[in-house]
Amino acid sequence: MKIFKWQSSLRITLNTFCNLVGFIKAEIRFNKPNGTSGVFTAIVGDIENGHISYECKEGDLDMSGWWAFWAYVVFEDGRAAVGQTVKVYVWKQGSG
């Protein structure tokens, strides 16, 4: 399945491969194709298996090209877990 610029019917899901019991913050961080970075506040869908996700809103995917996404989770005791970067190509509308 291709992902398109301006698409909003999309859920980004990352597997952290760690137990998230005691987390206080879950984020999906990203770099856009132009090099700017940002953060989506994620929800934890499966604490024991470490799945986090974000439901895209209109305007979130505002440029075509290679995006990089990774998980960032902070725990009550101050520890932070950073996930492996996943690169995804976002296509220009009408491209095929």
N, C-alpha and C. Protein backbone atom coordinates (compact mmCIF):
# COMPACT_ATOMS: atom_id res chain seq x y z
N MET A 1 0.83 -1.18 0.00
CA MET A 1 0.00 0.00 0.00
C MET A 1 0.88 1.24 0.00
N LYS A 2 0.55 2.19 -0.86
CA LYS A 2 1.29 3.45 -0.90
C LYS A 2 0.65 4.45 0.05
N ILE A 3 1.50 5.33 0.58
CA ILE A 3 1.05 6.42 1.43
C ILE A 3 1.21 7.69 0.62
N PHE A 4 0.18 8.55 0.65
CA PHE A 4 0.20 9.76 -0.17
C PHE A 4 0.21 11.02 0.69
N LYS A 5 0.82 12.05 0.13
CA LYS A 5 0.83 13.37 0.75
C LYS A 5 -0.61 13.79 1.02
N TRP A 6 -0.85 14.39 2.17
CA TRP A 6 -2.14 14.86 2.67
C TRP A 6 -3.08 13.74 3.10
N GLN A 7 -2.62 12.49 3.04
CA GLN A 7 -3.48 11.39 3.47
C GLN A 7 -3.74 11.50 4.97
N SER A 8 -5.00 11.31 5.36
CA SER A 8 -5.32 11.38 6.79
C SER A 8 -5.96 10.10 7.30
N SER A 9 -6.31 9.20 6.42
CA SER A 9 -6.88 7.91 6.83
C SER A 9 -5.72 6.92 6.96
N LEU A 10 -4.93 7.11 8.02
CA LEU A 10 -3.71 6.31 8.17
C LEU A 10 -3.34 6.22 9.65
N ARG A 11 -2.96 5.05 10.08
CA ARG A 11 -2.45 4.84 11.44
C ARG A 11 -0.99 4.40 11.32
N ILE A 12 -0.11 5.15 11.96
CA ILE A 12 1.30 4.77 12.04
C ILE A 12 1.47 3.94 13.30
N THR A 13 1.96 2.71 13.16
CA THR A 13 2.15 1.83 14.30
C THR A 13 3.60 1.37 14.33
N LEU A 14 4.21 1.48 15.50
CA LEU A 14 5.59 1.02 15.68
C LEU A 14 5.63 0.00 16.80
N ASN A 15 6.50 -0.99 16.65
CA ASN A 15 6.71 -1.99 17.69
C ASN A 15 8.04 -1.68 18.36
N THR A 16 7.99 -1.40 19.66
CA THR A 16 9.21 -1.06 20.40
C THR A 16 9.98 -2.31 20.84
N PHE A 17 9.34 -3.47 20.79
CA PHE A 17 9.93 -4.74 21.20
C PHE A 17 10.36 -4.72 22.67
N CYS A 18 9.66 -3.91 23.48
CA CYS A 18 9.92 -3.93 24.92
C CYS A 18 8.62 -3.70 25.68
N ASN A 19 8.59 -4.19 26.91
CA ASN A 19 7.44 -4.03 27.78
C ASN A 19 7.37 -2.56 28.19
N LEU A 20 6.19 -1.95 28.07
CA LEU A 20 6.04 -0.53 28.35
C LEU A 20 5.35 -0.25 29.68
N VAL A 21 5.32 -1.22 30.58
CA VAL A 21 4.74 -1.00 31.90
C VAL A 21 5.51 0.12 32.58
N GLY A 22 4.78 1.10 33.10
CA GLY A 22 5.40 2.23 33.78
C GLY A 22 5.77 3.38 32.87
N PHE A 23 5.27 3.38 31.62
CA PHE A 23 5.60 4.49 30.73
C PHE A 23 4.80 5.73 31.14
N ILE A 24 5.36 6.91 30.90
CA ILE A 24 4.62 8.14 31.15
C ILE A 24 4.45 8.97 29.88
N LYS A 25 5.25 8.66 28.85
CA LYS A 25 5.14 9.39 27.59
C LYS A 25 5.53 8.46 26.45
N ALA A 26 4.71 8.46 25.40
CA ALA A 26 5.02 7.69 24.20
C ALA A 26 4.88 8.62 23.00
N GLU A 27 5.91 8.66 22.18
CA GLU A 27 5.91 9.54 21.02
C GLU A 27 6.39 8.78 19.79
N ILE A 28 5.93 9.25 18.64
CA ILE A 28 6.52 8.85 17.38
C ILE A 28 7.19 10.10 16.84
N ARG A 29 8.50 10.05 16.80
CA ARG A 29 9.27 11.19 16.31
C ARG A 29 9.55 10.99 14.83
N PHE A 30 9.77 12.09 14.12
CA PHE A 30 9.97 11.96 12.69
C PHE A 30 10.88 13.05 12.14
N ASN A 31 11.45 12.73 10.99
CA ASN A 31 12.15 13.69 10.15
C ASN A 31 11.43 13.71 8.81
N LYS A 32 11.10 14.92 8.34
CA LYS A 32 10.46 15.09 7.04
C LYS A 32 11.53 15.05 5.94
N PRO A 33 11.09 14.92 4.69
CA PRO A 33 12.06 14.89 3.59
C PRO A 33 12.95 16.14 3.50
N ASN A 34 12.48 17.28 3.99
CA ASN A 34 13.29 18.50 3.93
C ASN A 34 14.23 18.65 5.13
N GLY A 35 14.25 17.64 6.03
CA GLY A 35 15.16 17.66 7.16
C GLY A 35 14.58 18.21 8.45
N THR A 36 13.39 18.81 8.39
CA THR A 36 12.77 19.28 9.63
C THR A 36 12.26 18.09 10.43
N SER A 37 12.21 18.26 11.75
CA SER A 37 11.78 17.16 12.61
C SER A 37 10.53 17.55 13.39
N GLY A 38 9.90 16.55 13.97
CA GLY A 38 8.70 16.79 14.75
C GLY A 38 8.32 15.58 15.58
N VAL A 39 7.18 15.70 16.24
CA VAL A 39 6.73 14.66 17.18
C VAL A 39 5.23 14.48 17.04
N PHE A 40 4.79 13.22 17.00
CA PHE A 40 3.38 12.87 17.14
C PHE A 40 3.21 12.22 18.50
N THR A 41 2.24 12.67 19.29
CA THR A 41 1.95 12.02 20.57
C THR A 41 1.25 10.70 20.28
N ALA A 42 1.85 9.61 20.74
CA ALA A 42 1.34 8.27 20.43
C ALA A 42 0.48 7.73 21.55
N ILE A 43 -0.33 6.74 21.19
CA ILE A 43 -1.06 5.98 22.20
C ILE A 43 -0.43 4.60 22.27
N VAL A 44 -0.49 4.00 23.43
CA VAL A 44 0.05 2.65 23.61
C VAL A 44 -1.10 1.67 23.43
N GLY A 45 -0.99 0.84 22.42
CA GLY A 45 -2.04 -0.12 22.12
C GLY A 45 -1.84 -1.46 22.80
N ASP A 46 -0.61 -1.81 23.09
CA ASP A 46 -0.29 -3.09 23.72
C ASP A 46 0.93 -2.88 24.61
N ILE A 47 0.67 -2.70 25.91
CA ILE A 47 1.76 -2.39 26.85
C ILE A 47 2.79 -3.50 26.92
N GLU A 48 2.33 -4.74 27.04
CA GLU A 48 3.26 -5.86 27.23
C GLU A 48 4.15 -6.10 26.02
N ASN A 49 3.62 -5.92 24.81
CA ASN A 49 4.39 -6.17 23.60
C ASN A 49 4.99 -4.91 22.99
N GLY A 50 4.65 -3.73 23.54
CA GLY A 50 5.30 -2.50 23.15
C GLY A 50 4.84 -1.86 21.86
N HIS A 51 3.56 -1.99 21.53
CA HIS A 51 3.04 -1.37 20.31
C HIS A 51 2.52 0.04 20.60
N ILE A 52 2.98 1.02 19.84
CA ILE A 52 2.47 2.39 19.96
C ILE A 52 1.97 2.83 18.58
N SER A 53 1.02 3.78 18.58
CA SER A 53 0.48 4.21 17.29
C SER A 53 0.02 5.66 17.35
N TYR A 54 -0.20 6.19 16.15
CA TYR A 54 -0.69 7.55 15.98
C TYR A 54 -1.64 7.57 14.79
N GLU A 55 -2.81 8.18 14.96
CA GLU A 55 -3.79 8.35 13.88
C GLU A 55 -3.50 9.67 13.18
N CYS A 56 -3.09 9.61 11.93
CA CYS A 56 -2.76 10.83 11.18
C CYS A 56 -3.98 11.71 11.02
N LYS A 57 -3.73 13.00 11.09
CA LYS A 57 -4.76 14.01 10.87
C LYS A 57 -4.46 14.74 9.57
N GLU A 58 -5.46 15.42 9.05
CA GLU A 58 -5.26 16.18 7.82
C GLU A 58 -4.12 17.18 8.00
N GLY A 59 -3.18 17.16 7.09
CA GLY A 59 -2.05 18.08 7.15
C GLY A 59 -0.80 17.51 7.79
N ASP A 60 -0.90 16.35 8.45
CA ASP A 60 0.30 15.77 9.09
C ASP A 60 1.35 15.40 8.05
N LEU A 61 0.93 14.73 7.00
CA LEU A 61 1.86 14.31 5.95
C LEU A 61 1.84 15.36 4.84
N ASP A 62 2.55 16.44 5.07
CA ASP A 62 2.43 17.62 4.22
C ASP A 62 3.48 17.73 3.12
N MET A 63 4.29 16.71 2.92
CA MET A 63 5.24 16.74 1.82
C MET A 63 5.57 15.33 1.36
N SER A 64 5.89 15.22 0.07
CA SER A 64 6.25 13.92 -0.48
C SER A 64 7.75 13.71 -0.33
N GLY A 65 8.14 12.45 -0.36
CA GLY A 65 9.55 12.07 -0.21
C GLY A 65 9.73 11.10 0.92
N TRP A 66 10.99 10.88 1.29
CA TRP A 66 11.32 9.92 2.35
C TRP A 66 11.16 10.54 3.74
N TRP A 67 10.30 9.93 4.55
CA TRP A 67 10.09 10.29 5.95
C TRP A 67 10.80 9.25 6.80
N ALA A 68 11.28 9.65 7.96
CA ALA A 68 11.87 8.73 8.93
C ALA A 68 11.07 8.81 10.22
N PHE A 69 10.67 7.66 10.76
CA PHE A 69 9.89 7.58 12.00
C PHE A 69 10.62 6.69 13.00
N TRP A 70 10.53 7.04 14.30
CA TRP A 70 11.07 6.17 15.34
C TRP A 70 10.29 6.41 16.64
N ALA A 71 10.28 5.38 17.47
CA ALA A 71 9.58 5.44 18.76
C ALA A 71 10.47 6.10 19.80
N TYR A 72 9.82 6.82 20.72
CA TYR A 72 10.51 7.42 21.86
C TYR A 72 9.57 7.31 23.05
N VAL A 73 10.00 6.55 24.07
CA VAL A 73 9.15 6.28 25.24
C VAL A 73 9.93 6.64 26.49
N VAL A 74 9.26 7.36 27.42
CA VAL A 74 9.86 7.73 28.71
C VAL A 74 9.10 6.99 29.80
N PHE A 75 9.85 6.47 30.78
CA PHE A 75 9.27 5.72 31.89
C PHE A 75 9.27 6.54 33.18
N GLU A 76 8.47 6.11 34.15
CA GLU A 76 8.32 6.81 35.44
C GLU A 76 9.65 7.05 36.14
N ASP A 77 10.59 6.12 35.99
CA ASP A 77 11.88 6.24 36.68
C ASP A 77 12.89 7.09 35.91
N GLY A 78 12.45 7.71 34.81
CA GLY A 78 13.32 8.59 34.05
C GLY A 78 14.04 7.94 32.87
N ARG A 79 13.96 6.62 32.77
CA ARG A 79 14.59 5.94 31.63
C ARG A 79 13.86 6.31 30.35
N ALA A 80 14.59 6.30 29.25
CA ALA A 80 14.00 6.55 27.93
C ALA A 80 14.40 5.42 26.99
N ALA A 81 13.47 5.02 26.14
CA ALA A 81 13.75 4.00 25.13
C ALA A 81 13.55 4.63 23.76
N VAL A 82 14.54 4.47 22.91
CA VAL A 82 14.49 5.01 21.56
C VAL A 82 14.49 3.85 20.58
N GLY A 83 13.56 3.86 19.65
CA GLY A 83 13.44 2.76 18.69
C GLY A 83 14.28 2.97 17.44
N GLN A 84 14.35 1.91 16.67
CA GLN A 84 15.07 1.93 15.40
C GLN A 84 14.28 2.77 14.38
N THR A 85 15.00 3.51 13.56
CA THR A 85 14.36 4.36 12.56
C THR A 85 13.81 3.52 11.41
N VAL A 86 12.58 3.88 11.01
CA VAL A 86 11.92 3.26 9.86
C VAL A 86 11.70 4.34 8.82
N LYS A 87 12.13 4.08 7.59
CA LYS A 87 11.94 5.06 6.51
C LYS A 87 10.75 4.64 5.65
N VAL A 88 9.92 5.63 5.32
CA VAL A 88 8.71 5.41 4.53
C VAL A 88 8.65 6.47 3.44
N TYR A 89 8.33 6.05 2.24
CA TYR A 89 8.19 7.00 1.15
C TYR A 89 6.74 7.48 1.07
N VAL A 90 6.54 8.79 1.08
CA VAL A 90 5.21 9.40 0.93
C VAL A 90 5.14 9.94 -0.49
N TRP A 91 4.17 9.44 -1.24
CA TRP A 91 4.04 9.78 -2.65
C TRP A 91 3.26 11.08 -2.84
N LYS A 92 3.59 11.76 -3.92
CA LYS A 92 2.84 12.94 -4.33
C LYS A 92 1.46 12.47 -4.82
N GLN A 93 0.44 13.25 -4.57
CA GLN A 93 -0.91 12.88 -4.99
C GLN A 93 -0.94 12.64 -6.50
N GLY A 94 -1.65 11.58 -6.88
CA GLY A 94 -1.80 11.29 -8.30
C GLY A 94 -0.64 10.54 -8.91
N SER A 95 0.43 10.27 -8.11
CA SER A 95 1.57 9.53 -8.66
C SER A 95 1.32 8.04 -8.44
N GLY A 96 1.92 7.25 -9.23
CA GLY A 96 1.56 5.89 -9.12
C GLY A 96 2.55 4.87 -9.08
